[in-house]
């Protein structure tokens, strides 16, 4: 039995064609709803994630896109309940120093760069308009996360033509497997 998956969309949410929305329909994953998608407040988003993690009956996997990746990093540095996370798939983390993101998302900077206390994988594209591959690789290194090069796939969203994105789902499941050692207990670190 796999842990339930919490879907963490980025700024403005994820529309019907986004892999996150497709995963909700295909697998019954649960979207963490935010009060404000247009003008996101980091503290408010962190509270929603905290409540979703606490509402789960056991460990969860996180599937984050764009600003959702920054949310995971920020939440992990403040929450006492990080051990409830079996792993996190962090897709297309944005570079919040870019001019088109810096002003509307100013309360989200700087991006926390502490090592994550659970297994994580960053998936980044070579031609993401919201963050370079090098930026994503640096975040992966700081977070202690594995890094997957998705090639040239834009922002890894609905416009990228990923469909149901079975490759991403497989990466999420490897986090689940890595989090559970042979004794059946969750492992909360990266080796």
C-alpha atoms as a PDB file:
ATOM      1  CA  UNK A   1       0.000   0.000   0.000  1.00  0.00           C
ATOM      2  CA  UNK A   2       1.482   3.320  -1.072  1.00  0.00           C
ATOM      3  CA  UNK A   3       1.235   6.426   1.105  1.00  0.00           C
ATOM      4  CA  UNK A   4      -1.357   8.974  -0.020  1.00  0.00           C
ATOM      5  CA  UNK A   5      -0.081  11.783  -2.250  1.00  0.00           C
ATOM      6  CA  UNK A   6      -0.633  15.447  -1.476  1.00  0.00           C
ATOM      7  CA  UNK A   7      -0.623  17.635  -4.600  1.00  0.00           C
ATOM      8  CA  UNK A   8       1.011  21.046  -4.126  1.00  0.00           C
ATOM      9  CA  UNK A   9       0.406  23.323  -7.122  1.00  0.00           C
ATOM     10  CA  UNK A  10       2.353  26.487  -7.713  1.00  0.00           C
ATOM     11  CA  UNK A  11       1.338  30.098  -8.175  1.00  0.00           C
ATOM     12  CA  UNK A  12      -2.124  30.394  -9.813  1.00  0.00           C
ATOM     13  CA  UNK A  13      -2.809  26.676  -9.234  1.00  0.00           C
ATOM     14  CA  UNK A  14      -2.808  23.824 -11.764  1.00  0.00           C
ATOM     15  CA  UNK A  15      -5.459  23.637 -14.479  1.00  0.00           C
ATOM     16  CA  UNK A  16      -7.276  20.597 -15.863  1.00  0.00           C
ATOM     17  CA  UNK A  17      -4.507  19.620 -18.316  1.00  0.00           C
ATOM     18  CA  UNK A  18      -1.712  19.766 -15.726  1.00  0.00           C
ATOM     19  CA  UNK A  19      -0.186  16.457 -14.630  1.00  0.00           C
ATOM     20  CA  UNK A  20      -1.065  17.322 -11.023  1.00  0.00           C
ATOM     21  CA  UNK A  21      -4.772  17.611 -11.878  1.00  0.00           C
ATOM     22  CA  UNK A  22      -4.593  14.456 -13.978  1.00  0.00           C
ATOM     23  CA  UNK A  23      -3.034  12.573 -11.055  1.00  0.00           C
ATOM     24  CA  UNK A  24      -5.927  13.646  -8.846  1.00  0.00           C
ATOM     25  CA  UNK A  25      -8.364  12.058 -11.286  1.00  0.00           C
ATOM     26  CA  UNK A  26      -6.280   8.968 -12.052  1.00  0.00           C
ATOM     27  CA  UNK A  27      -4.976   8.097  -8.591  1.00  0.00           C
ATOM     28  CA  UNK A  28      -7.202   9.953  -6.136  1.00  0.00           C
ATOM     29  CA  UNK A  29      -4.378  12.228  -4.958  1.00  0.00           C
ATOM     30  CA  UNK A  30      -5.465  15.106  -2.721  1.00  0.00           C
ATOM     31  CA  UNK A  31      -4.810  18.705  -3.714  1.00  0.00           C
ATOM     32  CA  UNK A  32      -3.823  21.016  -0.873  1.00  0.00           C
ATOM     33  CA  UNK A  33      -6.192  23.922  -1.504  1.00  0.00           C
ATOM     34  CA  UNK A  34      -4.988  27.444  -0.805  1.00  0.00           C
ATOM     35  CA  UNK A  35      -7.073  30.454   0.161  1.00  0.00           C
ATOM     36  CA  UNK A  36      -5.310  32.669  -2.341  1.00  0.00           C
ATOM     37  CA  UNK A  37      -3.818  31.371  -5.593  1.00  0.00           C
ATOM     38  CA  UNK A  38      -3.406  34.812  -7.239  1.00  0.00           C
ATOM     39  CA  UNK A  39      -1.533  36.534  -4.400  1.00  0.00           C
ATOM     40  CA  UNK A  40       0.049  33.666  -2.454  1.00  0.00           C
ATOM     41  CA  UNK A  41       1.152  34.250   1.110  1.00  0.00           C
ATOM     42  CA  UNK A  42       3.899  31.895   2.253  1.00  0.00           C
ATOM     43  CA  UNK A  43       2.723  31.611   5.854  1.00  0.00           C
ATOM     44  CA  UNK A  44      -0.850  30.902   4.798  1.00  0.00           C
ATOM     45  CA  UNK A  45       0.261  28.245   2.309  1.00  0.00           C
ATOM     46  CA  UNK A  46       2.466  26.642   4.996  1.00  0.00           C
ATOM     47  CA  UNK A  47      -0.498  26.410   7.381  1.00  0.00           C
ATOM     48  CA  UNK A  48      -2.595  24.669   4.711  1.00  0.00           C
ATOM     49  CA  UNK A  49       0.178  22.136   4.096  1.00  0.00           C
ATOM     50  CA  UNK A  50       0.618  21.566   7.829  1.00  0.00           C
ATOM     51  CA  UNK A  51      -3.113  20.892   8.242  1.00  0.00           C
ATOM     52  CA  UNK A  52      -3.153  18.502   5.274  1.00  0.00           C
ATOM     53  CA  UNK A  53      -0.176  16.548   6.626  1.00  0.00           C
ATOM     54  CA  UNK A  54      -1.743  16.346  10.086  1.00  0.00           C
ATOM     55  CA  UNK A  55      -5.105  15.239   8.641  1.00  0.00           C
ATOM     56  CA  UNK A  56      -3.506  12.223   6.952  1.00  0.00           C
ATOM     57  CA  UNK A  57      -3.704   8.938   8.845  1.00  0.00           C
ATOM     58  CA  UNK A  58      -0.076   8.039   8.126  1.00  0.00           C
ATOM     59  CA  UNK A  59       2.943   9.089   6.087  1.00  0.00           C
ATOM     60  CA  UNK A  60       2.355  11.063   2.882  1.00  0.00           C
ATOM     61  CA  UNK A  61       4.203  11.742  -0.341  1.00  0.00           C
ATOM     62  CA  UNK A  62       4.341  15.300  -1.634  1.00  0.00           C
ATOM     63  CA  UNK A  63       4.068  16.093  -5.358  1.00  0.00           C
ATOM     64  CA  UNK A  64       4.984  19.761  -5.748  1.00  0.00           C
ATOM     65  CA  UNK A  65       5.226  21.961  -8.832  1.00  0.00           C
ATOM     66  CA  UNK A  66       6.948  25.349  -9.175  1.00  0.00           C
ATOM     67  CA  UNK A  67       6.137  27.533  -6.137  1.00  0.00           C
ATOM     68  CA  UNK A  68       4.896  24.358  -4.432  1.00  0.00           C
ATOM     69  CA  UNK A  69       8.575  23.278  -4.278  1.00  0.00           C
ATOM     70  CA  UNK A  70       9.445  26.447  -2.365  1.00  0.00           C
ATOM     71  CA  UNK A  71       6.468  25.750  -0.101  1.00  0.00           C
ATOM     72  CA  UNK A  72       7.866  22.303   0.760  1.00  0.00           C
ATOM     73  CA  UNK A  73      11.294  23.735   1.600  1.00  0.00           C
ATOM     74  CA  UNK A  74       9.802  26.519   3.737  1.00  0.00           C
ATOM     75  CA  UNK A  75       7.393  24.188   5.537  1.00  0.00           C
ATOM     76  CA  UNK A  76      10.119  21.625   6.264  1.00  0.00           C
ATOM     77  CA  UNK A  77      12.238  24.239   8.045  1.00  0.00           C
ATOM     78  CA  UNK A  78       9.376  25.211  10.376  1.00  0.00           C
ATOM     79  CA  UNK A  79       7.193  22.159  10.938  1.00  0.00           C
ATOM     80  CA  UNK A  80       7.659  19.720  13.800  1.00  0.00           C
ATOM     81  CA  UNK A  81       5.752  17.128  11.718  1.00  0.00           C
ATOM     82  CA  UNK A  82       8.187  16.607   8.835  1.00  0.00           C
ATOM     83  CA  UNK A  83       8.597  12.941   9.845  1.00  0.00           C
ATOM     84  CA  UNK A  84       5.093  12.374   8.439  1.00  0.00           C
ATOM     85  CA  UNK A  85       6.505  12.938   4.934  1.00  0.00           C
ATOM     86  CA  UNK A  86       7.840   9.810   3.224  1.00  0.00           C
ATOM     87  CA  UNK A  87       9.244  11.779   0.292  1.00  0.00           C
ATOM     88  CA  UNK A  88       8.791  14.788  -1.977  1.00  0.00           C
ATOM     89  CA  UNK A  89       8.827  15.121  -5.755  1.00  0.00           C
ATOM     90  CA  UNK A  90       9.852  18.728  -6.465  1.00  0.00           C
ATOM     91  CA  UNK A  91       9.149  19.640 -10.077  1.00  0.00           C
ATOM     92  CA  UNK A  92      10.374  22.829 -11.795  1.00  0.00           C
ATOM     93  CA  UNK A  93      11.417  24.944  -8.804  1.00  0.00           C
ATOM     94  CA  UNK A  94      11.308  28.608  -9.846  1.00  0.00           C
ATOM     95  CA  UNK A  95      14.060  31.218  -9.554  1.00  0.00           C
ATOM     96  CA  UNK A  96      12.397  33.901  -7.461  1.00  0.00           C
ATOM     97  CA  UNK A  97      15.076  36.450  -8.325  1.00  0.00           C
ATOM     98  CA  UNK A  98      13.771  36.653 -11.912  1.00  0.00           C
ATOM     99  CA  UNK A  99      12.113  40.050 -12.496  1.00  0.00           C
ATOM    100  CA  UNK A 100       8.732  38.605 -13.509  1.00  0.00           C
ATOM    101  CA  UNK A 101       8.596  36.610 -10.242  1.00  0.00           C
ATOM    102  CA  UNK A 102      10.472  38.830  -7.772  1.00  0.00           C
ATOM    103  CA  UNK A 103       7.749  41.459  -7.287  1.00  0.00           C
ATOM    104  CA  UNK A 104       4.580  39.316  -7.147  1.00  0.00           C
ATOM    105  CA  UNK A 105       6.273  36.636  -5.005  1.00  0.00           C
ATOM    106  CA  UNK A 106       8.497  38.881  -2.862  1.00  0.00           C
ATOM    107  CA  UNK A 107       7.274  37.369   0.431  1.00  0.00           C
ATOM    108  CA  UNK A 108       8.626  33.982  -0.719  1.00  0.00           C
ATOM    109  CA  UNK A 109      12.280  35.062  -0.933  1.00  0.00           C
ATOM    110  CA  UNK A 110      14.795  33.920  -0.096  1.00  0.00           C
ATOM    111  CA  UNK A 111      14.173  30.269  -0.936  1.00  0.00           C
ATOM    112  CA  UNK A 112      15.157  28.124   2.087  1.00  0.00           C
ATOM    113  CA  UNK A 113      18.264  26.081   1.327  1.00  0.00           C
ATOM    114  CA  UNK A 114      18.410  23.793   4.364  1.00  0.00           C
ATOM    115  CA  UNK A 115      18.754  20.069   3.764  1.00  0.00           C
ATOM    116  CA  UNK A 116      15.314  18.457   3.640  1.00  0.00           C
ATOM    117  CA  UNK A 117      14.616  15.947   6.442  1.00  0.00           C
ATOM    118  CA  UNK A 118      13.029  13.428   4.048  1.00  0.00           C
ATOM    119  CA  UNK A 119      13.824  11.802   0.717  1.00  0.00           C
ATOM    120  CA  UNK A 120      13.385  14.208  -2.180  1.00  0.00           C
ATOM    121  CA  UNK A 121      13.925  14.451  -5.930  1.00  0.00           C
ATOM    122  CA  UNK A 122      14.077  17.628  -7.999  1.00  0.00           C
ATOM    123  CA  UNK A 123      12.962  17.326 -11.627  1.00  0.00           C
ATOM    124  CA  UNK A 124      14.116  20.184 -13.836  1.00  0.00           C
ATOM    125  CA  UNK A 125      13.907  21.123 -17.486  1.00  0.00           C
ATOM    126  CA  UNK A 126      16.748  22.567 -19.561  1.00  0.00           C
ATOM    127  CA  UNK A 127      14.542  25.339 -20.989  1.00  0.00           C
ATOM    128  CA  UNK A 128      12.264  26.278 -18.088  1.00  0.00           C
ATOM    129  CA  UNK A 129      11.316  29.961 -18.546  1.00  0.00           C
ATOM    130  CA  UNK A 130      10.996  30.426 -14.772  1.00  0.00           C
ATOM    131  CA  UNK A 131      14.289  28.960 -13.628  1.00  0.00           C
ATOM    132  CA  UNK A 132      17.495  27.660 -15.151  1.00  0.00           C
ATOM    133  CA  UNK A 133      18.588  24.059 -14.875  1.00  0.00           C
ATOM    134  CA  UNK A 134      21.647  25.289 -12.953  1.00  0.00           C
ATOM    135  CA  UNK A 135      19.390  27.032 -10.414  1.00  0.00           C
ATOM    136  CA  UNK A 136      17.372  23.829  -9.930  1.00  0.00           C
ATOM    137  CA  UNK A 137      20.566  21.777  -9.610  1.00  0.00           C
ATOM    138  CA  UNK A 138      21.870  24.152  -6.920  1.00  0.00           C
ATOM    139  CA  UNK A 139      18.608  23.836  -4.988  1.00  0.00           C
ATOM    140  CA  UNK A 140      18.724  20.044  -5.283  1.00  0.00           C
ATOM    141  CA  UNK A 141      22.252  20.088  -3.862  1.00  0.00           C
ATOM    142  CA  UNK A 142      21.275  22.359  -0.969  1.00  0.00           C
ATOM    143  CA  UNK A 143      18.162  20.308  -0.211  1.00  0.00           C
ATOM    144  CA  UNK A 144      20.046  16.984  -0.344  1.00  0.00           C
ATOM    145  CA  UNK A 145      17.724  15.884  -3.149  1.00  0.00           C
ATOM    146  CA  UNK A 146      18.406  13.699  -6.154  1.00  0.00           C
ATOM    147  CA  UNK A 147      18.219  15.521  -9.497  1.00  0.00           C
ATOM    148  CA  UNK A 148      16.477  14.368 -12.670  1.00  0.00           C
ATOM    149  CA  UNK A 149      17.176  16.116 -15.977  1.00  0.00           C
ATOM    150  CA  UNK A 150      13.882  16.256 -17.886  1.00  0.00           C
ATOM    151  CA  UNK A 151      15.508  17.575 -21.058  1.00  0.00           C
ATOM    152  CA  UNK A 152      13.861  20.490 -22.854  1.00  0.00           C
ATOM    153  CA  UNK A 153      10.277  20.384 -21.563  1.00  0.00           C
ATOM    154  CA  UNK A 154       9.568  24.000 -20.564  1.00  0.00           C
ATOM    155  CA  UNK A 155       8.030  24.525 -17.120  1.00  0.00           C
ATOM    156  CA  UNK A 156       6.935  20.875 -16.858  1.00  0.00           C
ATOM    157  CA  UNK A 157       3.301  21.917 -16.840  1.00  0.00           C
ATOM    158  CA  UNK A 158       0.259  21.460 -19.112  1.00  0.00           C
ATOM    159  CA  UNK A 159       2.027  23.366 -21.925  1.00  0.00           C
ATOM    160  CA  UNK A 160       4.856  20.801 -21.833  1.00  0.00           C
ATOM    161  CA  UNK A 161       2.634  18.057 -23.252  1.00  0.00           C
ATOM    162  CA  UNK A 162       3.352  15.641 -20.391  1.00  0.00           C
ATOM    163  CA  UNK A 163      -0.171  14.205 -20.323  1.00  0.00           C
ATOM    164  CA  UNK A 164      -0.545  11.860 -17.343  1.00  0.00           C
ATOM    165  CA  UNK A 165       3.266  11.983 -16.954  1.00  0.00           C
ATOM    166  CA  UNK A 166       3.894   8.329 -16.039  1.00  0.00           C
ATOM    167  CA  UNK A 167       7.654   9.058 -15.784  1.00  0.00           C
ATOM    168  CA  UNK A 168       6.960  11.522 -12.991  1.00  0.00           C
ATOM    169  CA  UNK A 169       4.728   9.027 -11.218  1.00  0.00           C
ATOM    170  CA  UNK A 170       7.503   6.427 -11.412  1.00  0.00           C
ATOM    171  CA  UNK A 171       9.930   8.931  -9.860  1.00  0.00           C
ATOM    172  CA  UNK A 172       7.448   9.597  -7.052  1.00  0.00           C
ATOM    173  CA  UNK A 173       7.164   5.873  -6.361  1.00  0.00           C
ATOM    174  CA  UNK A 174      10.959   5.510  -6.163  1.00  0.00           C
ATOM    175  CA  UNK A 175      10.860   8.030  -3.303  1.00  0.00           C
ATOM    176  CA  UNK A 176       8.281   5.876  -1.554  1.00  0.00           C
ATOM    177  CA  UNK A 177      10.485   2.807  -1.987  1.00  0.00           C
ATOM    178  CA  UNK A 178      13.615   4.663  -0.845  1.00  0.00           C
ATOM    179  CA  UNK A 179      11.837   5.921   2.271  1.00  0.00           C
ATOM    180  CA  UNK A 180      11.028   2.416   3.487  1.00  0.00           C
ATOM    181  CA  UNK A 181      13.942   0.246   4.505  1.00  0.00           C
ATOM    182  CA  UNK A 182      13.842  -3.523   4.588  1.00  0.00           C
ATOM    183  CA  UNK A 183      12.557  -3.453   8.161  1.00  0.00           C
ATOM    184  CA  UNK A 184       9.455  -1.621   6.984  1.00  0.00           C
ATOM    185  CA  UNK A 185      10.127   1.580   8.873  1.00  0.00           C
ATOM    186  CA  UNK A 186      10.273   4.933   7.156  1.00  0.00           C
ATOM    187  CA  UNK A 187      13.748   6.328   6.573  1.00  0.00           C
ATOM    188  CA  UNK A 188      13.850  10.134   6.776  1.00  0.00           C
ATOM    189  CA  UNK A 189      17.036  11.163   5.131  1.00  0.00           C
ATOM    190  CA  UNK A 190      19.015  10.959   1.962  1.00  0.00           C
ATOM    191  CA  UNK A 191      21.915   8.565   1.679  1.00  0.00           C
END
